[in-house]
Amino acid sequence: MTVATPHHVAVLALAPVVAFDLSIPAQMLAGVGTGAGDAAYEVRTCTPDGSPVPTVNGYGVTPQGDLSLLEHADTVIVAGTRCPAVVEDGAVDPRVAEALRAARRHARLVSLCTGSFVLAAAGLLDGGRAATHWRYARQFRRLFPAVDLDTNPLFVADRGILTSAGGAAAIDLCLHLVREDHGSAVANRVARYNVVAPLRDGGQAQYVEHPVREDAGTSTAGARTLMTEHLDRRLSLGDLAAHCHMSVRTFTRRFRQETGLSPAAWLASARLERVRHLLESTELPVDDIAARTGLGSGTNLRQRMRDALDTTPSAYRRAFRSRQSTAVPSSSTISGGSASRGTPSIVVAGAAPAAPSREASTP
């Protein structure tokens, strides 16, 4: 009998590590199981030399290994750090840089919050797009001018490397990993078990200092709900502004303040997310999906998917049907879930390659 071995995840902690970031991968991934009831992910924490590390929260963490864990990992996640050498000087331990560059050849690389400083210091983000916590954006740009830093999205996927914004964006990114590996249905159940949104709309702009006031009648949330419920309709800016009892100018400005995106960009993201859900969960023809999501034609849908995800509808459907049939949430840890109407604020600048799968034979 052939059984799938777990997808190995190594979480790298550099002192002082952000404890919240360090806890998220295991919390979000550990409950995913295979159809046979085995764990789909094995998550282990490591430090450069295997020694305990302090957290920014005042307590220490004992890892399960050293940098050698990166050699056998399918996914490497760098947790956020406040290490002065990294976030102030843009320097990283040469051993860490070498291990990460070696892991790049066989593993999916991920950073949470200021973990992007570590990847950038190792030269892995040069010439590409990345995200980090908005509060550290100016510092990041000063230290790493060769990186195209985008402070709007909750996370960015570029050339097989994924980087998240700060705080709870780590949850969004880890759910995205589950979605990429096993499909939306599994990711939605993981989110339900953890009592978090499967998909959040908007980007970091809504969380920076001096946020938009949420007085009654000043939010554009109603327009986002209207767009999501009627993706097949052509709603003008005038329609959306009138729905929120605003002028077009006020609506457009406030929408960007609240979500970090223009109404058109937000709608495009919502439509693409609905396309992905329908491809994963139905047998609808591509032309029908295009009509239901307001994309008009199958030709237009195919072009949108190629531009955003570097794949075709048929290839996407095959990949995710296969993944959903072999991995489900473990019934002992996760109970049912439902689809979300939200839309993530992400940037996908080239589809990440599928992480290597591992199988072992047993008698």
Protein backbone atom coordinates (compact mmCIF):
# COMPACT_ATOMS: atom_id res chain seq x y z
CA MET A 1 0.00 0.00 0.00
CA THR A 2 1.29 3.46 -0.87
CA VAL A 3 0.70 6.23 1.66
CA ALA A 4 1.46 9.92 1.41
CA THR A 5 4.02 11.25 3.86
CA PRO A 6 3.40 14.67 5.44
CA HIS A 7 4.40 17.87 3.74
CA HIS A 8 7.38 18.98 5.83
CA VAL A 9 7.30 22.58 7.05
CA ALA A 10 10.31 24.14 8.80
CA VAL A 11 9.66 27.39 10.67
CA LEU A 12 12.83 29.41 11.22
CA ALA A 13 13.03 31.55 14.36
CA LEU A 14 15.65 34.27 14.74
CA ALA A 15 16.01 35.96 18.13
CA PRO A 16 14.06 37.80 19.28
CA VAL A 17 11.28 36.12 17.34
CA VAL A 18 7.68 37.35 17.15
CA ALA A 19 5.83 34.70 19.14
CA PHE A 20 2.54 35.26 17.33
CA ASP A 21 4.14 34.56 13.96
CA LEU A 22 5.88 31.50 15.33
CA SER A 23 2.59 29.98 16.51
CA ILE A 24 0.52 30.55 13.37
CA PRO A 25 1.95 27.89 10.97
CA ALA A 26 1.39 25.01 13.39
CA GLN A 27 -2.02 26.33 14.42
CA MET A 28 -3.30 26.71 10.86
CA LEU A 29 -1.65 23.67 9.26
CA ALA A 30 -1.64 20.99 11.96
CA GLY A 31 -5.36 20.22 11.69
CA VAL A 32 -5.26 19.31 7.99
CA GLY A 33 -5.39 15.57 7.42
CA THR A 34 -5.21 13.18 4.48
CA GLY A 35 -8.13 11.07 3.38
CA ALA A 36 -6.65 8.23 5.44
CA GLY A 37 -6.70 10.36 8.59
CA ASP A 38 -2.96 11.07 8.64
CA ALA A 39 -1.50 14.55 9.11
CA ALA A 40 -1.07 16.43 5.83
CA TYR A 41 1.61 18.71 7.32
CA GLU A 42 4.43 18.20 9.79
CA VAL A 43 5.46 21.57 11.25
CA ARG A 44 8.78 21.87 13.12
CA THR A 45 10.53 24.93 14.51
CA CYS A 46 14.25 25.51 14.12
CA THR A 47 16.91 28.05 15.06
CA PRO A 48 20.38 28.52 13.54
CA ASP A 49 22.09 26.24 16.06
CA GLY A 50 19.11 24.47 17.65
CA SER A 51 19.31 26.54 20.83
CA PRO A 52 16.29 28.15 22.54
CA VAL A 53 15.50 31.70 21.46
CA PRO A 54 13.81 34.58 23.29
CA THR A 55 10.62 36.07 21.92
CA VAL A 56 9.71 39.74 21.77
CA ASN A 57 6.96 38.87 24.22
CA GLY A 58 9.28 38.04 27.11
CA TYR A 59 9.48 34.26 27.14
CA GLY A 60 11.71 31.73 25.43
CA VAL A 61 11.00 29.03 22.86
CA THR A 62 12.74 25.68 22.55
CA PRO A 63 13.03 24.59 18.90
CA GLN A 64 12.93 21.06 17.51
CA GLY A 65 16.10 21.37 15.47
CA ASP A 66 18.69 23.52 13.75
CA LEU A 67 19.22 24.68 10.15
CA SER A 68 19.47 21.09 8.98
CA LEU A 69 15.66 20.97 9.08
CA LEU A 70 15.65 23.28 6.06
CA GLU A 71 17.45 20.64 4.01
CA HIS A 72 14.47 18.30 4.10
CA ALA A 73 11.62 20.84 4.14
CA ASP A 74 8.99 21.18 1.43
CA THR A 75 8.08 24.63 2.76
CA VAL A 76 10.32 26.96 4.77
CA ILE A 77 8.63 29.72 6.77
CA VAL A 78 10.65 32.56 8.31
CA ALA A 79 8.83 34.03 11.30
CA GLY A 80 8.93 37.73 12.08
CA THR A 81 11.94 38.94 14.03
CA ARG A 82 13.13 42.09 15.76
CA CYS A 83 16.81 41.14 15.44
CA PRO A 84 18.64 44.51 15.24
CA ALA A 85 21.21 43.23 12.75
CA VAL A 86 18.39 42.21 10.42
CA VAL A 87 15.75 44.94 10.71
CA GLU A 88 18.13 47.83 11.38
CA ASP A 89 21.24 46.91 9.38
CA GLY A 90 19.87 44.50 6.77
CA ALA A 91 22.40 41.82 7.67
CA VAL A 92 21.81 38.15 8.38
CA ASP A 93 23.98 35.34 9.75
CA PRO A 94 25.85 33.88 6.74
CA ARG A 95 24.86 30.38 7.85
CA VAL A 96 21.20 31.36 7.68
CA ALA A 97 21.57 33.03 4.29
CA GLU A 98 23.35 29.98 2.86
CA ALA A 99 20.74 27.58 4.24
CA LEU A 100 17.87 29.65 2.82
CA ARG A 101 19.49 29.92 -0.59
CA ALA A 102 20.00 26.16 -0.63
CA ALA A 103 16.38 25.59 0.43
CA ARG A 104 15.21 27.81 -2.42
CA ARG A 105 16.22 25.07 -4.84
CA HIS A 106 13.76 22.51 -3.47
CA ALA A 107 11.29 24.23 -1.14
CA ARG A 108 8.59 26.87 -1.17
CA LEU A 109 9.84 29.92 0.77
CA VAL A 110 7.53 31.97 2.97
CA SER A 111 8.05 34.89 5.33
CA LEU A 112 5.70 36.34 7.93
CA CYS A 113 5.85 40.03 8.87
CA THR A 114 9.50 41.14 9.20
CA GLY A 115 10.68 37.69 8.19
CA SER A 116 10.85 39.31 4.74
CA PHE A 117 13.93 41.22 5.98
CA VAL A 118 15.67 37.87 6.43
CA LEU A 119 14.84 36.69 2.92
CA ALA A 120 15.87 40.07 1.48
CA ALA A 121 19.15 40.07 3.41
CA ALA A 122 19.87 36.64 1.91
CA GLY A 123 19.41 38.15 -1.56
CA LEU A 124 16.35 36.03 -2.31
CA LEU A 125 13.95 38.91 -3.00
CA ASP A 126 16.12 41.01 -5.32
CA GLY A 127 14.29 41.97 -8.49
CA GLY A 128 11.00 40.66 -7.17
CA ARG A 129 7.93 41.83 -5.32
CA ALA A 130 7.42 41.44 -1.58
CA ALA A 131 5.36 42.52 1.42
CA THR A 132 6.19 43.33 5.03
CA HIS A 133 4.60 45.08 7.99
CA TRP A 134 3.63 48.63 6.98
CA ARG A 135 5.41 50.11 9.99
CA TYR A 136 8.76 48.79 8.70
CA ALA A 137 8.22 49.73 5.05
CA ARG A 138 10.48 52.80 5.00
CA GLN A 139 13.27 50.85 6.68
CA PHE A 140 12.87 47.94 4.28
CA ARG A 141 13.05 50.18 1.21
CA ARG A 142 16.18 51.88 2.55
CA LEU A 143 17.95 48.59 3.21
CA PHE A 144 16.77 46.67 0.15
CA PRO A 145 16.23 49.03 -2.80
CA ALA A 146 16.44 46.12 -5.26
CA VAL A 147 13.16 44.71 -3.91
CA ASP A 148 9.79 46.00 -5.13
CA LEU A 149 8.06 46.40 -1.77
CA ASP A 150 4.26 46.55 -1.91
CA THR A 151 2.73 47.76 1.35
CA ASN A 152 -0.86 47.38 0.21
CA PRO A 153 -1.58 43.61 0.05
CA LEU A 154 -1.97 41.27 2.99
CA PHE A 155 0.50 39.01 1.21
CA VAL A 156 2.41 38.73 -2.04
CA ALA A 157 3.29 35.64 -4.08
CA ASP A 158 6.13 36.14 -6.53
CA ARG A 159 8.37 33.54 -8.21
CA GLY A 160 7.56 30.85 -5.69
CA ILE A 161 8.31 33.05 -2.66
CA LEU A 162 5.43 34.28 -0.49
CA THR A 163 5.71 37.20 1.92
CA SER A 164 3.05 38.53 4.28
CA ALA A 165 2.27 41.80 5.96
CA GLY A 166 2.29 42.04 9.75
CA GLY A 167 0.15 40.53 12.48
CA ALA A 168 -2.91 38.59 11.41
CA ALA A 169 -1.80 38.64 7.76
CA ALA A 170 0.24 35.57 8.77
CA ILE A 171 -3.07 33.76 9.19
CA ASP A 172 -4.22 34.87 5.75
CA LEU A 173 -1.01 33.62 4.17
CA CYS A 174 -1.06 30.26 5.95
CA LEU A 175 -4.67 29.73 4.86
CA HIS A 176 -3.53 30.57 1.35
CA LEU A 177 -0.91 27.81 1.58
CA VAL A 178 -3.63 25.32 2.52
CA ARG A 179 -5.79 26.62 -0.32
CA GLU A 180 -2.94 26.28 -2.80
CA ASP A 181 -2.11 22.76 -1.60
CA HIS A 182 -5.60 21.34 -1.00
CA GLY A 183 -8.23 23.72 -2.37
CA SER A 184 -10.76 26.19 -0.98
CA ALA A 185 -13.04 23.68 0.74
CA VAL A 186 -10.24 22.46 2.99
CA ALA A 187 -8.95 25.99 3.69
CA ASN A 188 -12.47 27.16 4.56
CA ARG A 189 -12.86 24.38 7.13
CA VAL A 190 -9.51 25.20 8.68
CA ALA A 191 -10.61 28.84 8.93
CA ARG A 192 -13.94 27.86 10.46
CA TYR A 193 -12.26 25.71 13.09
CA ASN A 194 -9.94 28.58 14.01
CA VAL A 195 -12.82 31.08 13.94
CA VAL A 196 -11.18 33.37 11.36
CA ALA A 197 -12.31 34.66 8.00
CA PRO A 198 -11.38 32.28 5.14
CA LEU A 199 -10.67 35.30 2.97
CA ARG A 200 -10.33 38.91 4.07
CA ASP A 201 -10.93 41.81 1.77
CA GLY A 202 -8.73 44.88 1.62
CA GLY A 203 -5.06 45.35 2.37
CA GLN A 204 -2.83 46.95 4.98
CA ALA A 205 -4.12 50.42 4.13
CA GLN A 206 -7.09 49.83 6.40
CA TYR A 207 -4.82 49.16 9.39
CA VAL A 208 -2.28 51.97 9.25
CA GLU A 209 -2.36 54.80 11.74
CA HIS A 210 -5.15 57.38 11.32
CA PRO A 211 -7.65 54.87 9.90
CA VAL A 212 -10.90 55.87 8.25
CA ARG A 213 -13.65 56.65 10.72
CA GLU A 214 -16.45 54.11 10.70
CA ASP A 215 -19.31 56.45 11.53
CA ALA A 216 -22.72 55.35 10.33
CA GLY A 217 -23.17 56.06 6.65
CA THR A 218 -19.47 56.58 5.86
CA SER A 219 -18.39 53.01 5.04
CA THR A 220 -18.25 51.48 1.56
CA ALA A 221 -18.81 47.96 2.94
CA GLY A 222 -22.32 47.92 1.50
CA ALA A 223 -20.96 48.46 -2.00
CA ARG A 224 -18.54 45.56 -1.58
CA THR A 225 -21.40 43.32 -0.52
CA LEU A 226 -23.43 44.46 -3.52
CA MET A 227 -20.56 43.75 -5.92
CA THR A 228 -19.91 40.33 -4.41
CA GLU A 229 -23.56 39.29 -4.58
CA HIS A 230 -23.92 40.51 -8.18
CA LEU A 231 -20.62 39.73 -9.87
CA ASP A 232 -22.48 39.08 -13.11
CA ARG A 233 -23.86 42.63 -13.22
CA ARG A 234 -22.17 45.71 -14.62
CA LEU A 235 -22.32 48.18 -11.75
CA SER A 236 -21.02 51.66 -12.47
CA LEU A 237 -19.20 53.85 -10.00
CA GLY A 238 -22.35 55.94 -9.92
CA ASP A 239 -24.43 52.91 -8.93
CA LEU A 240 -22.02 51.97 -6.16
CA ALA A 241 -21.69 55.51 -4.85
CA ALA A 242 -25.47 55.95 -4.82
CA HIS A 243 -25.83 52.67 -2.92
CA CYS A 244 -23.61 54.18 -0.19
CA HIS A 245 -25.28 57.61 -0.41
CA MET A 246 -22.03 59.27 -1.51
CA SER A 247 -20.75 61.25 -4.43
CA VAL A 248 -18.57 59.31 -6.86
CA ARG A 249 -15.51 61.27 -5.78
CA THR A 250 -16.10 60.65 -2.06
CA PHE A 251 -16.93 56.99 -2.65
CA THR A 252 -13.80 56.36 -4.73
CA ARG A 253 -11.54 58.04 -2.17
CA ARG A 254 -13.11 56.27 0.80
CA PHE A 255 -13.13 52.89 -0.92
CA ARG A 256 -9.38 53.10 -1.48
CA GLN A 257 -8.84 54.26 2.12
CA GLU A 258 -10.80 51.31 3.48
CA THR A 259 -9.45 48.58 1.23
CA GLY A 260 -6.21 49.89 -0.26
CA LEU A 261 -7.63 49.14 -3.72
CA SER A 262 -9.65 50.93 -6.36
CA PRO A 263 -13.22 49.62 -6.85
CA ALA A 264 -12.19 48.15 -10.21
CA ALA A 265 -9.18 46.33 -8.78
CA TRP A 266 -11.22 45.00 -5.86
CA LEU A 267 -13.93 43.75 -8.21
CA ALA A 268 -11.39 42.05 -10.46
CA SER A 269 -9.98 40.22 -7.44
CA ALA A 270 -13.49 39.21 -6.27
CA ARG A 271 -14.35 37.85 -9.70
CA LEU A 272 -11.16 35.83 -9.93
CA GLU A 273 -11.72 34.35 -6.48
CA ARG A 274 -15.25 33.30 -7.47
CA VAL A 275 -13.86 31.75 -10.66
CA ARG A 276 -11.42 29.70 -8.60
CA HIS A 277 -14.19 28.54 -6.27
CA LEU A 278 -16.45 27.46 -9.15
CA LEU A 279 -13.62 25.64 -10.90
CA GLU A 280 -12.83 23.76 -7.70
CA SER A 281 -16.38 22.94 -6.63
CA THR A 282 -18.43 22.50 -9.84
CA GLU A 283 -18.30 20.97 -13.31
CA LEU A 284 -19.63 24.13 -14.94
CA PRO A 285 -18.21 24.88 -18.40
CA VAL A 286 -15.75 27.77 -18.54
CA ASP A 287 -18.14 29.92 -20.56
CA ASP A 288 -20.84 29.51 -17.90
CA ILE A 289 -18.40 30.44 -15.15
CA ALA A 290 -17.37 33.51 -17.12
CA ALA A 291 -21.01 34.57 -17.41
CA ARG A 292 -21.70 34.02 -13.71
CA THR A 293 -18.68 36.04 -12.66
CA GLY A 294 -19.12 38.97 -15.02
CA LEU A 295 -16.09 38.13 -17.16
CA GLY A 296 -18.19 37.83 -20.29
CA SER A 297 -16.50 35.04 -22.20
CA GLY A 298 -14.35 32.00 -21.65
CA THR A 299 -11.63 33.67 -23.66
CA ASN A 300 -11.56 36.63 -21.28
CA LEU A 301 -11.62 34.32 -18.25
CA ARG A 302 -8.69 32.31 -19.60
CA GLN A 303 -6.68 35.48 -20.17
CA ARG A 304 -7.40 36.75 -16.65
CA MET A 305 -6.28 33.46 -15.13
CA ARG A 306 -3.14 33.38 -17.22
CA ASP A 307 -2.25 36.96 -16.26
CA ALA A 308 -2.94 36.51 -12.54
CA LEU A 309 -2.11 32.85 -11.88
CA ASP A 310 -0.07 31.76 -14.90
CA THR A 311 -2.38 28.79 -15.48
CA THR A 312 -5.46 27.75 -17.47
CA PRO A 313 -8.93 26.87 -16.12
CA SER A 314 -8.56 23.23 -17.13
CA ALA A 315 -5.12 22.88 -15.52
CA TYR A 316 -6.33 24.63 -12.37
CA ARG A 317 -9.40 22.40 -12.13
CA ARG A 318 -7.35 19.22 -12.58
CA ALA A 319 -4.81 20.27 -9.96
CA PHE A 320 -7.29 21.22 -7.29
CA ARG A 321 -9.69 18.36 -7.85
CA SER A 322 -6.75 16.01 -7.32
CA ARG A 323 -5.62 17.82 -4.16
CA GLN A 324 -9.10 18.01 -2.64
CA SER A 325 -9.61 14.29 -3.15
CA THR A 326 -6.46 13.40 -1.20
CA ALA A 327 -6.52 15.87 1.69
CA VAL A 328 -9.32 16.83 4.03
CA PRO A 329 -9.41 18.36 7.50
CA SER A 330 -8.88 15.78 10.19
CA SER A 331 -12.27 14.92 11.66
CA SER A 332 -10.74 14.71 15.13
CA THR A 333 -9.69 18.35 15.10
CA ILE A 334 -11.79 20.24 12.58
CA SER A 335 -15.51 20.30 11.92
CA GLY A 336 -17.41 21.56 8.87
CA GLY A 337 -16.97 24.82 7.02
CA SER A 338 -18.57 27.05 4.44
CA ALA A 339 -17.54 29.20 1.54
CA SER A 340 -16.70 32.83 2.11
CA ARG A 341 -17.86 35.89 0.25
CA GLY A 342 -14.74 37.82 1.11
CA THR A 343 -11.92 38.55 -1.30
CA PRO A 344 -8.26 38.53 -0.28
CA SER A 345 -6.01 41.42 -1.07
CA ILE A 346 -3.08 39.63 -2.63
CA VAL A 347 -0.63 40.15 -5.40
CA VAL A 348 0.26 37.13 -7.49
CA ALA A 349 3.13 38.00 -9.78
CA GLY A 350 3.59 34.52 -11.19
CA ALA A 351 2.20 31.27 -9.90
CA ALA A 352 4.19 29.55 -7.19
CA PRO A 353 5.41 26.13 -8.23
CA ALA A 354 3.75 23.20 -6.55
CA ALA A 355 5.70 22.11 -3.50
CA PRO A 356 7.37 18.71 -3.85
CA SER A 357 5.22 15.79 -2.71
CA ARG A 358 6.63 12.85 -0.85
CA GLU A 359 5.32 9.30 -0.81
CA ALA A 360 6.57 6.21 0.92
CA SER A 361 5.69 2.60 0.25
CA THR A 362 4.69 0.22 3.01
CA PRO A 363 3.92 -3.50 2.75
